[in-house]
């Protein structure tokens, strides 16, 4: 399979064409978000308040980057275990989230929400956060600054290497293919 170069704003068109196991180089705007930020999102939503970014068509990277060295836009920025966000993902997908990036498998409810919403779950290589940082050209904290590394950041990816973990047709890298 060839590597596909995509921009986040092409995911609506491309998600139905992607298959588990395909390699993708993703560019465009991506938001970091982990457990603490997800809890705050739900508090905002339950209070009828907007999220700190437009969730429709958005891509969330489950990451908490380290401090930024002077010569880079961001410090090491590897993926965290996506399953910790499983309680939150179906609702966000139903609101229009198009893409999630992390490591590890997802539960049945998340898989069903990916299919239902024609979304995609990408896997990033764990343990290579310093290399991943080289594909991030901009980083700006946009919400929950008090959370430190878990604050919500707007990143600009450039050819960030990923693998399709779960596609919107039900293909799943983590299922046993006996």
C-alpha atoms as a PDB file:
ATOM      1  CA  UNK A   1       0.000   0.000   0.000  1.00  0.00           C
ATOM      2  CA  UNK A   2       1.239   3.438  -0.876  1.00  0.00           C
ATOM      3  CA  UNK A   3       1.454   6.216   1.689  1.00  0.00           C
ATOM      4  CA  UNK A   4      -1.318   8.777   1.249  1.00  0.00           C
ATOM      5  CA  UNK A   5      -0.649  12.470   1.833  1.00  0.00           C
ATOM      6  CA  UNK A   6      -3.705  14.179   3.310  1.00  0.00           C
ATOM      7  CA  UNK A   7      -4.683  17.463   4.866  1.00  0.00           C
ATOM      8  CA  UNK A   8      -7.124  17.455   7.782  1.00  0.00           C
ATOM      9  CA  UNK A   9      -9.607  19.438   5.680  1.00  0.00           C
ATOM     10  CA  UNK A  10      -9.708  16.506   3.205  1.00  0.00           C
ATOM     11  CA  UNK A  11     -10.814  13.929   5.787  1.00  0.00           C
ATOM     12  CA  UNK A  12     -14.544  14.243   5.013  1.00  0.00           C
ATOM     13  CA  UNK A  13     -13.811  13.159   1.458  1.00  0.00           C
ATOM     14  CA  UNK A  14     -11.050  10.663   2.243  1.00  0.00           C
ATOM     15  CA  UNK A  15     -12.260   8.895   5.409  1.00  0.00           C
ATOM     16  CA  UNK A  16     -14.525   6.499   3.445  1.00  0.00           C
ATOM     17  CA  UNK A  17     -11.573   5.605   1.169  1.00  0.00           C
ATOM     18  CA  UNK A  18      -9.116   4.792   3.969  1.00  0.00           C
ATOM     19  CA  UNK A  19      -8.511   1.240   5.166  1.00  0.00           C
ATOM     20  CA  UNK A  20      -7.025  -0.131   8.387  1.00  0.00           C
ATOM     21  CA  UNK A  21      -3.288  -0.565   7.963  1.00  0.00           C
ATOM     22  CA  UNK A  22      -2.813   2.195   5.391  1.00  0.00           C
ATOM     23  CA  UNK A  23      -0.042   4.693   5.980  1.00  0.00           C
ATOM     24  CA  UNK A  24      -0.902   8.390   5.939  1.00  0.00           C
ATOM     25  CA  UNK A  25       1.143  11.574   6.121  1.00  0.00           C
ATOM     26  CA  UNK A  26      -1.231  14.083   7.711  1.00  0.00           C
ATOM     27  CA  UNK A  27      -0.899  17.861   7.462  1.00  0.00           C
ATOM     28  CA  UNK A  28      -3.092  20.670   8.784  1.00  0.00           C
ATOM     29  CA  UNK A  29      -4.600  21.824  12.047  1.00  0.00           C
ATOM     30  CA  UNK A  30      -4.821  19.263  14.859  1.00  0.00           C
ATOM     31  CA  UNK A  31      -5.739  19.820  18.538  1.00  0.00           C
ATOM     32  CA  UNK A  32      -4.100  18.091  21.493  1.00  0.00           C
ATOM     33  CA  UNK A  33      -6.401  16.768  24.147  1.00  0.00           C
ATOM     34  CA  UNK A  34      -6.093  14.224  26.934  1.00  0.00           C
ATOM     35  CA  UNK A  35      -8.149  13.043  29.921  1.00  0.00           C
ATOM     36  CA  UNK A  36      -8.302  16.293  31.907  1.00  0.00           C
ATOM     37  CA  UNK A  37      -9.259  18.384  28.876  1.00  0.00           C
ATOM     38  CA  UNK A  38     -11.943  15.870  27.869  1.00  0.00           C
ATOM     39  CA  UNK A  39     -13.487  16.119  31.339  1.00  0.00           C
ATOM     40  CA  UNK A  40     -13.609  19.896  30.944  1.00  0.00           C
ATOM     41  CA  UNK A  41     -15.158  19.594  27.481  1.00  0.00           C
ATOM     42  CA  UNK A  42     -18.005  17.601  28.968  1.00  0.00           C
ATOM     43  CA  UNK A  43     -18.499  20.143  31.742  1.00  0.00           C
ATOM     44  CA  UNK A  44     -18.719  22.892  29.122  1.00  0.00           C
ATOM     45  CA  UNK A  45     -21.139  20.894  26.982  1.00  0.00           C
ATOM     46  CA  UNK A  46     -23.317  19.981  29.978  1.00  0.00           C
ATOM     47  CA  UNK A  47     -23.503  23.701  30.842  1.00  0.00           C
ATOM     48  CA  UNK A  48     -24.496  24.558  27.264  1.00  0.00           C
ATOM     49  CA  UNK A  49     -21.189  26.341  26.595  1.00  0.00           C
ATOM     50  CA  UNK A  50     -19.066  26.013  23.442  1.00  0.00           C
ATOM     51  CA  UNK A  51     -15.889  23.991  23.193  1.00  0.00           C
ATOM     52  CA  UNK A  52     -12.609  25.925  22.773  1.00  0.00           C
ATOM     53  CA  UNK A  53     -12.499  24.941  19.061  1.00  0.00           C
ATOM     54  CA  UNK A  54     -14.988  23.904  16.406  1.00  0.00           C
ATOM     55  CA  UNK A  55     -15.377  20.141  16.795  1.00  0.00           C
ATOM     56  CA  UNK A  56     -17.012  19.727  13.363  1.00  0.00           C
ATOM     57  CA  UNK A  57     -14.411  18.210  11.057  1.00  0.00           C
ATOM     58  CA  UNK A  58     -11.701  18.479  13.725  1.00  0.00           C
ATOM     59  CA  UNK A  59      -8.788  16.171  14.460  1.00  0.00           C
ATOM     60  CA  UNK A  60      -7.722  15.478  18.060  1.00  0.00           C
ATOM     61  CA  UNK A  61      -4.283  14.124  18.927  1.00  0.00           C
ATOM     62  CA  UNK A  62      -4.168  12.404  22.298  1.00  0.00           C
ATOM     63  CA  UNK A  63      -0.854  13.898  23.394  1.00  0.00           C
ATOM     64  CA  UNK A  64       0.672  15.966  26.178  1.00  0.00           C
ATOM     65  CA  UNK A  65       3.846  17.477  24.735  1.00  0.00           C
ATOM     66  CA  UNK A  66       6.937  18.186  26.800  1.00  0.00           C
ATOM     67  CA  UNK A  67       8.509  21.638  27.146  1.00  0.00           C
ATOM     68  CA  UNK A  68       9.579  23.341  23.942  1.00  0.00           C
ATOM     69  CA  UNK A  69      13.287  23.603  23.136  1.00  0.00           C
ATOM     70  CA  UNK A  70      14.407  26.853  21.454  1.00  0.00           C
ATOM     71  CA  UNK A  71      14.938  25.295  18.001  1.00  0.00           C
ATOM     72  CA  UNK A  72      11.520  23.585  17.671  1.00  0.00           C
ATOM     73  CA  UNK A  73       7.837  24.539  17.660  1.00  0.00           C
ATOM     74  CA  UNK A  74       7.132  21.930  20.341  1.00  0.00           C
ATOM     75  CA  UNK A  75       8.867  19.435  22.624  1.00  0.00           C
ATOM     76  CA  UNK A  76       8.524  15.676  22.344  1.00  0.00           C
ATOM     77  CA  UNK A  77       4.964  14.951  21.290  1.00  0.00           C
ATOM     78  CA  UNK A  78       4.169  11.259  21.230  1.00  0.00           C
ATOM     79  CA  UNK A  79       0.717   9.692  21.497  1.00  0.00           C
ATOM     80  CA  UNK A  80      -0.934   8.632  24.723  1.00  0.00           C
ATOM     81  CA  UNK A  81      -3.175   5.597  25.163  1.00  0.00           C
ATOM     82  CA  UNK A  82      -6.388   6.377  23.310  1.00  0.00           C
ATOM     83  CA  UNK A  83      -8.558   4.025  25.369  1.00  0.00           C
ATOM     84  CA  UNK A  84      -8.497   6.516  28.254  1.00  0.00           C
ATOM     85  CA  UNK A  85     -10.636   8.826  26.081  1.00  0.00           C
ATOM     86  CA  UNK A  86     -13.134   6.096  25.132  1.00  0.00           C
ATOM     87  CA  UNK A  87     -15.819   7.345  27.566  1.00  0.00           C
ATOM     88  CA  UNK A  88     -15.799  10.716  25.756  1.00  0.00           C
ATOM     89  CA  UNK A  89     -15.159   9.834  22.107  1.00  0.00           C
ATOM     90  CA  UNK A  90     -18.647   8.695  20.952  1.00  0.00           C
ATOM     91  CA  UNK A  91     -20.299  11.962  21.995  1.00  0.00           C
ATOM     92  CA  UNK A  92     -17.573  14.041  20.329  1.00  0.00           C
ATOM     93  CA  UNK A  93     -17.770  11.925  17.163  1.00  0.00           C
ATOM     94  CA  UNK A  94     -21.542  12.394  17.100  1.00  0.00           C
ATOM     95  CA  UNK A  95     -20.912  16.164  17.322  1.00  0.00           C
ATOM     96  CA  UNK A  96     -18.710  16.053  14.212  1.00  0.00           C
ATOM     97  CA  UNK A  97     -15.204  15.067  15.334  1.00  0.00           C
ATOM     98  CA  UNK A  98     -13.638  13.537  12.220  1.00  0.00           C
ATOM     99  CA  UNK A  99     -10.331  12.134  13.404  1.00  0.00           C
ATOM    100  CA  UNK A 100      -8.620  10.874  16.534  1.00  0.00           C
ATOM    101  CA  UNK A 101      -4.917  10.113  16.833  1.00  0.00           C
ATOM    102  CA  UNK A 102      -3.427   8.002  19.603  1.00  0.00           C
ATOM    103  CA  UNK A 103      -2.032   4.575  20.351  1.00  0.00           C
ATOM    104  CA  UNK A 104      -3.762   1.327  21.206  1.00  0.00           C
ATOM    105  CA  UNK A 105      -7.165  -0.161  20.626  1.00  0.00           C
ATOM    106  CA  UNK A 106     -10.578   1.421  21.174  1.00  0.00           C
ATOM    107  CA  UNK A 107     -13.714  -0.018  22.721  1.00  0.00           C
ATOM    108  CA  UNK A 108     -16.824  -1.225  20.876  1.00  0.00           C
ATOM    109  CA  UNK A 109     -18.770   2.025  21.432  1.00  0.00           C
ATOM    110  CA  UNK A 110     -15.971   4.097  19.887  1.00  0.00           C
ATOM    111  CA  UNK A 111     -15.662   1.711  16.929  1.00  0.00           C
ATOM    112  CA  UNK A 112     -19.416   1.958  16.302  1.00  0.00           C
ATOM    113  CA  UNK A 113     -19.284   5.771  16.538  1.00  0.00           C
ATOM    114  CA  UNK A 114     -16.385   5.881  14.039  1.00  0.00           C
ATOM    115  CA  UNK A 115     -18.467   3.864  11.563  1.00  0.00           C
ATOM    116  CA  UNK A 116     -21.695   5.803  12.256  1.00  0.00           C
ATOM    117  CA  UNK A 117     -19.986   9.150  11.705  1.00  0.00           C
ATOM    118  CA  UNK A 118     -17.668   8.170   8.840  1.00  0.00           C
ATOM    119  CA  UNK A 119     -14.650   9.161  10.942  1.00  0.00           C
ATOM    120  CA  UNK A 120     -11.184   7.638  11.339  1.00  0.00           C
ATOM    121  CA  UNK A 121      -8.820   6.638  14.134  1.00  0.00           C
ATOM    122  CA  UNK A 122      -5.143   6.972  13.322  1.00  0.00           C
ATOM    123  CA  UNK A 123      -2.341   5.359  15.274  1.00  0.00           C
ATOM    124  CA  UNK A 124       0.904   7.228  15.885  1.00  0.00           C
ATOM    125  CA  UNK A 125       4.147   5.530  16.804  1.00  0.00           C
ATOM    126  CA  UNK A 126       4.656   5.441  20.560  1.00  0.00           C
ATOM    127  CA  UNK A 127       8.113   6.136  21.934  1.00  0.00           C
ATOM    128  CA  UNK A 128       9.076   8.453  19.082  1.00  0.00           C
ATOM    129  CA  UNK A 129       7.804  11.776  20.439  1.00  0.00           C
ATOM    130  CA  UNK A 130      11.030  13.634  19.669  1.00  0.00           C
ATOM    131  CA  UNK A 131      10.872  12.514  16.033  1.00  0.00           C
ATOM    132  CA  UNK A 132       7.156  13.348  15.825  1.00  0.00           C
ATOM    133  CA  UNK A 133       7.906  16.891  17.004  1.00  0.00           C
ATOM    134  CA  UNK A 134       9.833  17.499  13.782  1.00  0.00           C
ATOM    135  CA  UNK A 135       6.537  17.196  11.867  1.00  0.00           C
ATOM    136  CA  UNK A 136       4.836  19.866  13.992  1.00  0.00           C
ATOM    137  CA  UNK A 137       5.480  23.348  12.647  1.00  0.00           C
ATOM    138  CA  UNK A 138       3.375  25.450  15.054  1.00  0.00           C
ATOM    139  CA  UNK A 139       2.009  25.067  18.566  1.00  0.00           C
ATOM    140  CA  UNK A 140      -0.309  27.428  20.413  1.00  0.00           C
ATOM    141  CA  UNK A 141      -2.101  26.868  23.737  1.00  0.00           C
ATOM    142  CA  UNK A 142      -5.780  27.693  23.153  1.00  0.00           C
ATOM    143  CA  UNK A 143      -7.509  26.444  26.326  1.00  0.00           C
ATOM    144  CA  UNK A 144      -7.029  25.204  29.883  1.00  0.00           C
ATOM    145  CA  UNK A 145      -3.491  26.585  30.249  1.00  0.00           C
ATOM    146  CA  UNK A 146      -3.559  25.597  33.923  1.00  0.00           C
ATOM    147  CA  UNK A 147      -3.370  21.936  32.840  1.00  0.00           C
ATOM    148  CA  UNK A 148       0.258  22.372  31.727  1.00  0.00           C
ATOM    149  CA  UNK A 149       1.252  19.667  29.258  1.00  0.00           C
ATOM    150  CA  UNK A 150      -2.409  18.586  29.108  1.00  0.00           C
ATOM    151  CA  UNK A 151      -3.658  22.026  28.019  1.00  0.00           C
ATOM    152  CA  UNK A 152      -5.417  22.126  24.666  1.00  0.00           C
ATOM    153  CA  UNK A 153      -3.022  23.141  21.919  1.00  0.00           C
ATOM    154  CA  UNK A 154      -3.564  23.988  18.276  1.00  0.00           C
ATOM    155  CA  UNK A 155      -0.853  22.280  16.255  1.00  0.00           C
ATOM    156  CA  UNK A 156       0.084  22.551  12.611  1.00  0.00           C
ATOM    157  CA  UNK A 157       1.142  19.151  11.305  1.00  0.00           C
ATOM    158  CA  UNK A 158       3.298  18.724   8.224  1.00  0.00           C
ATOM    159  CA  UNK A 159       3.467  15.179   6.888  1.00  0.00           C
ATOM    160  CA  UNK A 160       2.929  13.615  10.322  1.00  0.00           C
ATOM    161  CA  UNK A 161       3.292   9.817   9.873  1.00  0.00           C
ATOM    162  CA  UNK A 162       0.269   7.749  10.909  1.00  0.00           C
ATOM    163  CA  UNK A 163      -1.355   4.378  10.303  1.00  0.00           C
ATOM    164  CA  UNK A 164      -5.105   3.929   9.916  1.00  0.00           C
ATOM    165  CA  UNK A 165      -6.055   1.985  13.047  1.00  0.00           C
ATOM    166  CA  UNK A 166      -9.840   1.893  12.627  1.00  0.00           C
ATOM    167  CA  UNK A 167     -11.585   2.898   9.423  1.00  0.00           C
ATOM    168  CA  UNK A 168     -15.189   3.947   8.897  1.00  0.00           C
ATOM    169  CA  UNK A 169     -16.068   0.630   7.237  1.00  0.00           C
ATOM    170  CA  UNK A 170     -15.228  -1.321  10.389  1.00  0.00           C
ATOM    171  CA  UNK A 171     -11.689  -2.318   9.459  1.00  0.00           C
ATOM    172  CA  UNK A 172      -9.694  -2.561  12.677  1.00  0.00           C
ATOM    173  CA  UNK A 173      -5.964  -3.206  13.099  1.00  0.00           C
ATOM    174  CA  UNK A 174      -6.608  -4.523  16.591  1.00  0.00           C
ATOM    175  CA  UNK A 175      -9.097  -7.260  15.743  1.00  0.00           C
ATOM    176  CA  UNK A 176      -7.873 -10.806  15.362  1.00  0.00           C
ATOM    177  CA  UNK A 177      -8.102 -11.738  11.685  1.00  0.00           C
ATOM    178  CA  UNK A 178      -8.178 -15.559  12.041  1.00  0.00           C
END
